[in-house]
Amino acid sequence: MAGLGFSQRIALLVSGHLVLASVPMLVAMVAAPALAPTPSPAPAQGMGGRGLWVEFGVALGYAALGLFAVQFVLIGRVGVLSRRIGQDSLLGLHKWAGIAAAAFLWAHPVVLIAARPGYAEFFDPRVNAPRALALAAALAAITGLIVLSVLRRRLGLPYEWWRLTHAGLAALLMLIALAHSVMVGHYTSTIATIAMTAAFCLAPLAILGWVHVVGPLRRRPWRVSAVEPVRPRVWAVELTTDDQNAGIAFEPGQFAWLAFGDGPLQLRQHPFTIASSAGAKGQRQQRLAFTIKELGDFTATIGQLPVGTRAWVEGPAGGFGLPPHARGAILIAGGIGITPMLSILRTMADRGDRRRAILLYGNETLEKAAHTDELEALGKRLDLAIIHVPEQPPEHAPDGWQGPSGYIDRAMLERVVDRDRLEGDHALVCGPDAMMDAVEDALLALGVGRERIHSERFNIV
């Protein structure tokens, strides 16, 4: 898959996603020929004889189940997917597939009740209170998953608690879906179909348990060896381990999940891009460096992390980075988005990589740029041009500010990046979402092929 272009990777990801999501419906199709010609169980008399709209409503439910279950794979930290496809693409598909699953799930009872009003009894607690409460809880759970994801920041919900509620609501939904499918029994009337449906519904819960319980318990600890200020509210955090088996081999641009504390089962676990050099290809690193900005929640106190604190590392993950076949690199960073660029440049220097590179580094002011001294030193070791882009040009520069300023947009890129670079080099973009959106659009407008634009995002919305 590594040799596939961007569009081919996305097509493969989407098609594989749809194939897996179709499993519940395929189970129903297998079961259909064996069904007796008698009417299916219904909550009211006179509802025998399933018609087209009833079957369509049922199909919507199976589609919702299939789409929802596959989301556990997309966000289940499956390393090969993250590396080959990229976190950006995985989160984008997860977002839209989740919304589609929610729409199908809500449409499922609406279509059924519209086709046969008697199905409304499924939601009547006077007829069957446990069933009615469970189905209402399922609809509330899928709605909560979407709403809390979209409004998390506005509601001020800490990331850790959002992650916990997200996993809890998802697990509840899968259990209710399994119970509902088996109890209705029309397409799960045999041992074989019950077993297949149960396996499909319980596999996501197994993934959840592996990611958050079994996996962490198998990890070896690291320790915090240094916490140093880079600039106000930005810290360089170094982790080391004496255990060769705990070290990880990564490629520059990848990230890892970090947790700090005595034990590996920590609610606070966040993804951070690795800033250190990857060294020789495939070499296990026993020292990892991260540049972390105070952004609230967990990172607000990162500068107070005591040296010697135990750390737990899961990774590497992500597919962001400069491909080996790329002729050169156009690196565009905004703020803390310099972190993966640091890893890429440090690794190029250590590996003797002489491919040309240009770095556009945007910040609110020049004073807020991080690692400027090291970047200058790397510029002397590499075929690297560094262009600082402050939003506000310095007022007291000795000869006035001669470089670009403002936002990195199409006009600026056209002005400072040679046409030859735009026509053949790969562009790597990392920074705030709005900046990344604008830069990606600008690069496309300038003729940079989508397969030569690389970015990585950690936010679903």
Protein backbone atom coordinates (compact mmCIF):
# COMPACT_ATOMS: atom_id res chain seq x y z
CA MET A 1 0.00 0.00 0.00
CA ALA A 2 2.97 2.28 0.53
CA GLY A 3 3.39 2.67 -3.23
CA LEU A 4 -0.19 3.78 -3.79
CA GLY A 5 -1.09 7.41 -4.45
CA PHE A 6 -3.31 9.50 -2.23
CA SER A 7 -6.51 8.90 -4.20
CA GLN A 8 -5.81 5.17 -4.39
CA ARG A 9 -5.24 4.92 -0.64
CA ILE A 10 -8.46 6.79 0.09
CA ALA A 11 -10.41 4.64 -2.38
CA LEU A 12 -9.03 1.50 -0.76
CA LEU A 13 -9.82 2.81 2.73
CA VAL A 14 -13.41 3.73 1.84
CA SER A 15 -14.09 0.52 -0.07
CA GLY A 16 -12.64 -1.62 2.73
CA HIS A 17 -14.70 0.36 5.23
CA LEU A 18 -17.90 -0.27 3.27
CA VAL A 19 -17.15 -3.98 2.84
CA LEU A 20 -16.71 -4.46 6.59
CA ALA A 21 -19.78 -2.33 7.32
CA SER A 22 -21.84 -4.58 5.03
CA VAL A 23 -21.23 -7.70 7.14
CA PRO A 24 -24.48 -7.46 9.21
CA MET A 25 -26.54 -7.06 6.04
CA LEU A 26 -24.73 -9.98 4.43
CA VAL A 27 -25.60 -12.10 7.46
CA ALA A 28 -29.25 -11.12 6.98
CA MET A 29 -29.06 -12.06 3.31
CA VAL A 30 -27.64 -15.46 4.21
CA ALA A 31 -30.44 -15.96 6.71
CA ALA A 32 -33.25 -14.81 4.39
CA PRO A 33 -33.65 -17.99 2.28
CA ALA A 34 -33.98 -20.10 5.40
CA LEU A 35 -36.77 -18.00 6.90
CA ALA A 36 -40.13 -19.64 7.25
CA PRO A 37 -42.93 -18.02 5.24
CA THR A 38 -44.80 -17.23 8.44
CA PRO A 39 -45.05 -13.61 9.60
CA SER A 40 -42.19 -12.30 11.74
CA PRO A 41 -42.79 -11.56 15.42
CA ALA A 42 -44.45 -8.15 15.80
CA PRO A 43 -45.56 -6.13 18.80
CA ALA A 44 -49.14 -5.80 17.60
CA GLN A 45 -51.73 -7.91 15.84
CA GLY A 46 -52.29 -7.41 12.17
CA MET A 47 -48.63 -6.62 11.43
CA GLY A 48 -47.75 -9.80 9.60
CA GLY A 49 -46.52 -9.67 6.01
CA ARG A 50 -43.40 -7.49 5.78
CA GLY A 51 -43.45 -5.10 2.84
CA LEU A 52 -40.83 -3.11 0.95
CA TRP A 53 -40.75 -0.17 3.38
CA VAL A 54 -40.46 -2.43 6.41
CA GLU A 55 -37.50 -4.22 4.84
CA PHE A 56 -35.98 -0.86 3.91
CA GLY A 57 -36.33 0.31 7.50
CA VAL A 58 -34.66 -2.88 8.73
CA ALA A 59 -31.87 -2.41 6.18
CA LEU A 60 -31.25 1.08 7.58
CA GLY A 61 -30.77 -0.46 11.01
CA TYR A 62 -28.27 -3.01 9.70
CA ALA A 63 -26.42 -0.26 7.80
CA ALA A 64 -26.18 1.79 10.99
CA LEU A 65 -24.89 -1.22 12.92
CA GLY A 66 -22.27 -2.02 10.30
CA LEU A 67 -21.02 1.54 9.91
CA PHE A 68 -20.90 2.10 13.64
CA ALA A 69 -19.02 -1.12 14.43
CA VAL A 70 -16.28 -0.37 11.90
CA GLN A 71 -15.59 2.96 13.62
CA PHE A 72 -13.92 1.01 16.42
CA VAL A 73 -11.33 -0.14 13.88
CA LEU A 74 -10.75 3.35 12.48
CA ILE A 75 -10.02 4.85 15.90
CA GLY A 76 -8.73 1.65 17.51
CA ARG A 77 -5.10 2.70 17.11
CA VAL A 78 -4.45 0.02 14.52
CA GLY A 79 -0.86 0.92 13.75
CA VAL A 80 -0.77 -0.30 10.16
CA LEU A 81 -3.84 1.79 9.24
CA SER A 82 -2.48 4.91 10.90
CA ARG A 83 0.92 4.54 9.23
CA ARG A 84 -0.30 3.60 5.77
CA ILE A 85 -3.39 5.78 5.52
CA GLY A 86 -2.58 8.67 7.83
CA GLN A 87 -4.37 9.94 10.91
CA ASP A 88 -5.84 12.82 8.92
CA SER A 89 -7.70 10.50 6.55
CA LEU A 90 -8.79 8.11 9.30
CA LEU A 91 -10.34 10.87 11.40
CA GLY A 92 -12.02 12.42 8.37
CA LEU A 93 -13.66 9.13 7.43
CA HIS A 94 -14.55 8.44 11.07
CA LYS A 95 -16.32 11.78 11.31
CA TRP A 96 -18.51 11.37 8.23
CA ALA A 97 -19.14 7.66 8.69
CA GLY A 98 -20.22 8.34 12.28
CA ILE A 99 -22.65 11.01 11.12
CA ALA A 100 -24.02 8.63 8.47
CA ALA A 101 -24.44 5.86 11.06
CA ALA A 102 -26.36 8.25 13.33
CA ALA A 103 -28.63 9.31 10.47
CA PHE A 104 -29.34 5.68 9.52
CA LEU A 105 -30.03 4.73 13.13
CA TRP A 106 -32.54 7.53 13.61
CA ALA A 107 -34.16 6.77 10.24
CA HIS A 108 -34.51 3.08 11.17
CA PRO A 109 -37.47 3.47 13.61
CA VAL A 110 -38.92 6.44 11.72
CA VAL A 111 -39.30 4.44 8.50
CA LEU A 112 -40.58 1.35 10.31
CA ILE A 113 -43.21 3.27 12.27
CA ALA A 114 -44.24 5.21 9.16
CA ALA A 115 -44.68 1.93 7.29
CA ARG A 116 -46.38 0.11 10.17
CA PRO A 117 -47.56 2.35 13.04
CA GLY A 118 -47.81 -0.69 15.29
CA TYR A 119 -44.01 -0.74 15.58
CA ALA A 120 -44.30 2.30 17.83
CA GLU A 121 -45.05 -0.20 20.61
CA PHE A 122 -41.34 -0.97 20.71
CA PHE A 123 -40.92 2.41 22.42
CA ASP A 124 -43.93 2.04 24.73
CA PRO A 125 -42.76 1.28 28.30
CA ARG A 126 -46.27 0.08 29.18
CA VAL A 127 -45.84 -2.82 26.75
CA ASN A 128 -42.22 -3.70 27.53
CA ALA A 129 -40.35 -1.25 29.75
CA PRO A 130 -36.80 -2.74 29.44
CA ARG A 131 -37.06 -2.85 25.65
CA ALA A 132 -38.43 0.68 25.39
CA LEU A 133 -35.77 2.10 27.70
CA ALA A 134 -32.98 0.26 25.87
CA LEU A 135 -34.06 1.53 22.45
CA ALA A 136 -34.46 5.08 23.75
CA ALA A 137 -31.01 4.79 25.33
CA ALA A 138 -29.55 3.69 21.97
CA LEU A 139 -30.94 6.75 20.21
CA ALA A 140 -29.75 8.98 23.04
CA ALA A 141 -26.29 7.38 22.94
CA ILE A 142 -25.74 7.93 19.21
CA THR A 143 -27.02 11.50 19.55
CA GLY A 144 -24.72 12.10 22.52
CA LEU A 145 -21.72 10.78 20.59
CA ILE A 146 -22.27 13.28 17.79
CA VAL A 147 -23.28 16.27 19.93
CA LEU A 148 -20.46 15.90 22.48
CA SER A 149 -17.89 15.55 19.69
CA VAL A 150 -19.11 18.68 17.91
CA LEU A 151 -19.63 20.80 21.02
CA ARG A 152 -16.88 19.47 23.30
CA ARG A 153 -14.85 22.66 23.28
CA ARG A 154 -17.85 24.94 23.59
CA LEU A 155 -19.10 22.92 26.55
CA GLY A 156 -15.67 22.98 28.16
CA LEU A 157 -15.65 19.18 28.46
CA PRO A 158 -12.09 18.03 29.27
CA TYR A 159 -10.57 15.79 26.62
CA GLU A 160 -10.12 12.90 29.07
CA TRP A 161 -13.78 12.88 30.08
CA TRP A 162 -14.90 13.25 26.49
CA ARG A 163 -12.80 10.24 25.53
CA LEU A 164 -14.24 8.22 28.42
CA THR A 165 -17.87 9.12 27.62
CA HIS A 166 -17.22 8.51 23.91
CA ALA A 167 -15.99 4.99 24.61
CA GLY A 168 -18.74 4.29 27.16
CA LEU A 169 -21.59 5.43 24.92
CA ALA A 170 -20.15 3.50 21.99
CA ALA A 171 -19.89 0.29 24.03
CA LEU A 172 -23.46 0.74 25.35
CA LEU A 173 -24.74 1.20 21.81
CA MET A 174 -23.09 -2.01 20.56
CA LEU A 175 -24.56 -4.05 23.43
CA ILE A 176 -28.06 -2.69 22.85
CA ALA A 177 -27.72 -3.31 19.10
CA LEU A 178 -26.77 -6.94 19.73
CA ALA A 179 -29.62 -7.52 22.18
CA HIS A 180 -32.16 -5.82 19.89
CA SER A 181 -31.07 -7.78 16.83
CA VAL A 182 -31.22 -11.13 18.61
CA MET A 183 -34.51 -10.45 20.42
CA VAL A 184 -36.32 -9.31 17.26
CA GLY A 185 -35.07 -12.53 15.77
CA HIS A 186 -36.30 -12.25 12.19
CA TYR A 187 -32.84 -12.39 10.61
CA THR A 188 -31.16 -13.92 13.65
CA SER A 189 -33.39 -16.95 14.12
CA THR A 190 -30.67 -19.61 13.93
CA ILE A 191 -27.65 -20.39 16.06
CA ALA A 192 -25.35 -19.57 13.14
CA THR A 193 -26.81 -16.11 12.47
CA ILE A 194 -26.92 -15.30 16.19
CA ALA A 195 -23.26 -16.31 16.51
CA MET A 196 -22.22 -14.22 13.50
CA THR A 197 -24.13 -11.19 14.72
CA ALA A 198 -22.72 -11.57 18.23
CA ALA A 199 -19.17 -11.86 16.90
CA PHE A 200 -19.59 -8.72 14.80
CA CYS A 201 -21.01 -6.72 17.71
CA LEU A 202 -18.58 -7.96 20.34
CA ALA A 203 -15.42 -7.61 18.23
CA PRO A 204 -15.46 -3.79 18.60
CA LEU A 205 -15.71 -4.17 22.37
CA ALA A 206 -12.73 -6.51 22.27
CA ILE A 207 -10.80 -3.83 20.35
CA LEU A 208 -11.80 -1.29 22.97
CA GLY A 209 -10.59 -3.55 25.78
CA TRP A 210 -7.32 -4.29 24.02
CA VAL A 211 -6.53 -0.63 23.32
CA HIS A 212 -7.39 0.71 26.77
CA VAL A 213 -6.65 -2.21 29.12
CA VAL A 214 -4.64 -5.13 27.72
CA GLY A 215 -2.30 -3.05 25.57
CA PRO A 216 -1.29 -0.62 28.34
CA LEU A 217 -0.69 -3.45 30.81
CA ARG A 218 1.86 -4.98 28.43
CA ARG A 219 3.94 -1.80 28.12
CA ARG A 220 7.26 -1.11 29.79
CA PRO A 221 7.78 2.21 31.56
CA TRP A 222 9.86 5.16 30.45
CA ARG A 223 10.87 8.07 32.67
CA VAL A 224 10.88 11.83 32.28
CA SER A 225 14.54 12.83 32.02
CA ALA A 226 14.16 16.57 31.27
CA VAL A 227 11.53 19.31 31.15
CA GLU A 228 12.88 22.59 29.81
CA PRO A 229 11.25 25.82 28.61
CA VAL A 230 11.52 26.54 24.89
CA ARG A 231 9.64 29.83 25.01
CA PRO A 232 6.71 31.05 27.14
CA ARG A 233 4.13 28.26 27.53
CA VAL A 234 6.11 25.84 25.32
CA TRP A 235 8.17 23.02 26.85
CA ALA A 236 10.68 20.47 25.64
CA VAL A 237 9.96 17.15 27.37
CA GLU A 238 12.46 14.32 27.10
CA LEU A 239 11.73 10.67 27.88
CA THR A 240 14.34 7.93 28.23
CA THR A 241 14.41 4.23 28.94
CA ASP A 242 17.21 1.82 29.81
CA ASP A 243 15.18 -1.09 28.45
CA GLN A 244 16.10 -1.80 24.83
CA ASN A 245 12.82 -3.66 24.34
CA ALA A 246 10.85 -0.59 25.44
CA GLY A 247 12.48 1.61 22.82
CA ILE A 248 10.55 2.31 19.64
CA ALA A 249 11.53 2.64 16.00
CA PHE A 250 9.67 5.44 14.26
CA GLU A 251 9.82 7.58 11.17
CA PRO A 252 10.10 11.38 11.40
CA GLY A 253 6.67 12.99 11.52
CA GLN A 254 4.98 10.21 13.46
CA PHE A 255 3.36 10.63 16.87
CA ALA A 256 2.91 8.61 20.05
CA TRP A 257 0.32 8.46 22.82
CA LEU A 258 1.73 9.54 26.17
CA ALA A 259 0.54 8.93 29.72
CA PHE A 260 2.30 9.86 32.96
CA GLY A 261 1.96 8.16 36.35
CA ASP A 262 2.93 5.11 38.36
CA GLY A 263 0.75 2.68 36.41
CA PRO A 264 -0.04 2.30 32.69
CA LEU A 265 -3.83 2.55 33.09
CA GLN A 266 -4.22 6.31 32.94
CA LEU A 267 -7.30 8.28 31.96
CA ARG A 268 -5.07 11.14 30.83
CA GLN A 269 -3.51 9.92 27.61
CA HIS A 270 -2.77 12.28 24.73
CA PRO A 271 -1.16 12.11 21.28
CA PHE A 272 2.01 14.15 20.75
CA THR A 273 4.26 14.34 17.71
CA ILE A 274 7.77 13.04 18.32
CA ALA A 275 10.25 15.89 17.81
CA SER A 276 13.51 13.97 18.11
CA SER A 277 15.55 12.42 15.33
CA ALA A 278 14.50 8.95 14.24
CA GLY A 279 18.16 7.99 13.78
CA ALA A 280 18.98 5.18 11.39
CA LYS A 281 15.98 3.62 9.69
CA GLY A 282 14.47 0.85 11.82
CA GLN A 283 16.67 1.64 14.83
CA ARG A 284 14.95 1.49 18.22
CA GLN A 285 15.24 4.81 20.02
CA GLN A 286 15.61 4.88 23.80
CA ARG A 287 15.32 8.66 23.94
CA LEU A 288 12.27 10.56 22.73
CA ALA A 289 11.83 14.34 22.64
CA PHE A 290 8.53 16.20 22.47
CA THR A 291 7.81 19.91 22.16
CA ILE A 292 4.50 20.57 23.94
CA LYS A 293 2.51 23.77 24.15
CA GLU A 294 0.23 24.62 27.06
CA LEU A 295 -3.22 24.47 25.48
CA GLY A 296 -5.39 23.59 28.48
CA ASP A 297 -6.51 20.33 30.10
CA PHE A 298 -3.53 18.02 30.51
CA THR A 299 -0.94 20.28 28.85
CA ALA A 300 -1.66 23.24 31.14
CA THR A 301 0.67 21.78 33.78
CA ILE A 302 3.20 20.05 31.51
CA GLY A 303 5.96 22.41 32.69
CA GLN A 304 5.46 21.19 36.28
CA LEU A 305 6.06 17.55 35.37
CA PRO A 306 8.73 16.28 37.81
CA VAL A 307 11.88 14.73 36.38
CA GLY A 308 11.84 11.01 37.15
CA THR A 309 8.07 10.65 36.63
CA ARG A 310 7.12 7.37 35.01
CA ALA A 311 5.86 7.68 31.44
CA TRP A 312 4.02 5.23 29.19
CA VAL A 313 4.45 5.37 25.43
CA GLU A 314 2.18 3.84 22.80
CA GLY A 315 3.31 4.15 19.22
CA PRO A 316 4.50 5.06 16.77
CA ALA A 317 1.42 6.05 14.81
CA GLY A 318 0.54 8.27 11.88
CA GLY A 319 1.67 8.45 8.28
CA PHE A 320 2.79 12.09 8.18
CA GLY A 321 6.29 12.60 6.86
CA LEU A 322 8.49 13.10 3.81
CA PRO A 323 8.23 10.07 1.49
CA PRO A 324 11.56 8.45 0.57
CA HIS A 325 10.89 9.04 -3.13
CA ALA A 326 10.15 12.79 -2.71
CA ARG A 327 12.54 15.00 -4.66
CA GLY A 328 12.47 17.74 -2.03
CA ALA A 329 10.37 19.18 0.79
CA ILE A 330 8.22 22.28 1.17
CA LEU A 331 7.67 22.41 4.95
CA ILE A 332 4.90 24.77 6.11
CA ALA A 333 4.43 25.05 9.87
CA GLY A 334 2.29 27.23 12.08
CA GLY A 335 3.05 27.62 15.80
CA ILE A 336 3.55 24.29 17.54
CA GLY A 337 3.19 22.64 14.13
CA ILE A 338 6.97 23.01 13.91
CA THR A 339 7.28 19.80 15.97
CA PRO A 340 7.11 17.20 13.16
CA MET A 341 9.25 19.46 10.97
CA LEU A 342 11.93 19.39 13.67
CA SER A 343 11.92 15.60 13.66
CA ILE A 344 12.13 15.53 9.86
CA LEU A 345 15.01 18.01 9.71
CA ARG A 346 16.90 16.45 12.63
CA THR A 347 16.58 13.05 10.98
CA MET A 348 17.70 14.38 7.58
CA ALA A 349 20.79 15.81 9.26
CA ASP A 350 21.59 12.57 11.10
CA ARG A 351 21.03 10.44 7.99
CA GLY A 352 23.02 12.73 5.70
CA ASP A 353 19.95 13.42 3.58
CA ARG A 354 20.89 16.19 1.13
CA ARG A 355 17.52 16.66 -0.52
CA ARG A 356 16.54 20.30 -0.76
CA ALA A 357 14.03 21.72 1.68
CA ILE A 358 12.38 25.04 2.36
CA LEU A 359 10.67 25.85 5.67
CA LEU A 360 7.96 28.49 6.01
CA TYR A 361 7.38 28.98 9.73
CA GLY A 362 4.42 31.13 10.70
CA ASN A 363 3.88 32.63 14.16
CA GLU A 364 2.02 35.54 15.67
CA THR A 365 5.37 37.27 16.29
CA LEU A 366 9.01 36.32 15.76
CA GLU A 367 9.45 36.04 19.53
CA LYS A 368 6.92 33.22 19.62
CA ALA A 369 8.86 31.05 17.18
CA ALA A 370 10.31 27.93 18.84
CA HIS A 371 13.73 26.31 18.39
CA THR A 372 15.00 29.18 16.23
CA ASP A 373 18.67 28.66 17.16
CA GLU A 374 18.53 24.97 16.30
CA LEU A 375 16.71 25.65 13.07
CA GLU A 376 19.47 28.08 12.09
CA ALA A 377 22.08 25.42 12.87
CA LEU A 378 20.19 22.84 10.84
CA GLY A 379 20.07 25.30 7.97
CA LYS A 380 23.87 25.16 7.84
CA ARG A 381 23.98 21.34 7.88
CA LEU A 382 21.27 20.82 5.27
CA ASP A 383 20.21 22.18 1.90
CA LEU A 384 17.58 24.16 3.79
CA ALA A 385 16.12 27.62 3.36
CA ILE A 386 14.23 29.01 6.38
CA ILE A 387 11.62 31.73 5.98
CA HIS A 388 9.98 33.13 9.11
CA VAL A 389 6.48 34.52 8.56
CA PRO A 390 5.28 36.61 11.54
CA GLU A 391 1.68 37.77 11.43
CA GLN A 392 2.91 41.03 12.95
CA PRO A 393 6.29 42.13 11.55
CA PRO A 394 8.80 43.29 14.18
CA GLU A 395 8.62 47.03 14.82
CA HIS A 396 12.22 47.51 15.85
CA ALA A 397 14.18 45.44 13.33
CA PRO A 398 17.56 47.16 12.63
CA ASP A 399 16.93 47.61 8.90
CA GLY A 400 13.20 47.12 8.96
CA TRP A 401 11.58 43.75 8.37
CA GLN A 402 12.52 42.52 4.90
CA GLY A 403 10.77 39.17 4.98
CA PRO A 404 7.14 38.20 4.40
CA SER A 405 4.51 38.80 7.06
CA GLY A 406 0.83 38.11 7.60
CA TYR A 407 -0.83 34.79 6.80
CA ILE A 408 0.62 32.09 4.58
CA ASP A 409 -1.68 32.19 1.56
CA ARG A 410 -1.53 31.58 -2.18
CA ALA A 411 0.06 34.94 -2.99
CA MET A 412 2.80 34.45 -0.41
CA LEU A 413 3.55 30.89 -1.52
CA GLU A 414 3.73 32.00 -5.14
CA ARG A 415 6.12 34.76 -4.14
CA VAL A 416 8.55 32.86 -1.91
CA VAL A 417 8.48 29.29 -3.28
CA ASP A 418 10.08 28.64 -6.66
CA ARG A 419 7.83 27.27 -9.38
CA ASP A 420 10.20 24.32 -9.80
CA ARG A 421 9.59 23.32 -6.17
CA LEU A 422 5.81 23.63 -6.54
CA GLU A 423 5.90 21.42 -9.63
CA GLY A 424 7.87 18.53 -8.14
CA ASP A 425 8.54 18.70 -4.40
CA HIS A 426 6.27 17.34 -1.66
CA ALA A 427 4.53 19.78 0.69
CA LEU A 428 4.12 18.98 4.40
CA VAL A 429 1.65 21.14 6.33
CA CYS A 430 1.15 21.25 10.10
CA GLY A 431 -0.44 23.89 12.31
CA PRO A 432 -3.84 25.21 13.37
CA ASP A 433 -6.76 23.76 11.43
CA ALA A 434 -7.72 27.07 9.77
CA MET A 435 -4.15 27.60 8.62
CA MET A 436 -3.90 24.05 7.26
CA ASP A 437 -7.18 24.40 5.35
CA ALA A 438 -6.04 27.67 3.75
CA VAL A 439 -2.57 26.38 2.85
CA GLU A 440 -3.87 23.12 1.39
CA ASP A 441 -6.31 25.05 -0.82
CA ALA A 442 -3.54 27.44 -1.87
CA LEU A 443 -1.18 24.59 -2.78
CA LEU A 444 -3.86 22.89 -4.86
CA ALA A 445 -4.61 26.17 -6.65
CA LEU A 446 -0.89 26.51 -7.43
CA GLY A 447 -0.86 23.12 -9.11
CA VAL A 448 0.64 20.97 -6.34
CA GLY A 449 -0.90 17.51 -6.82
CA ARG A 450 -2.99 16.16 -3.95
CA GLU A 451 -0.69 13.16 -3.73
CA ARG A 452 2.18 15.57 -2.94
CA ILE A 453 0.39 17.34 -0.07
CA HIS A 454 0.71 15.74 3.36
CA SER A 455 -0.97 16.82 6.59
CA GLU A 456 -1.96 15.31 9.91
CA ARG A 457 -4.84 16.28 12.19
CA PHE A 458 -5.92 15.02 15.61
CA ASN A 459 -9.33 16.68 15.78
CA ILE A 460 -12.53 15.02 14.55
CA VAL A 461 -14.27 18.37 14.06
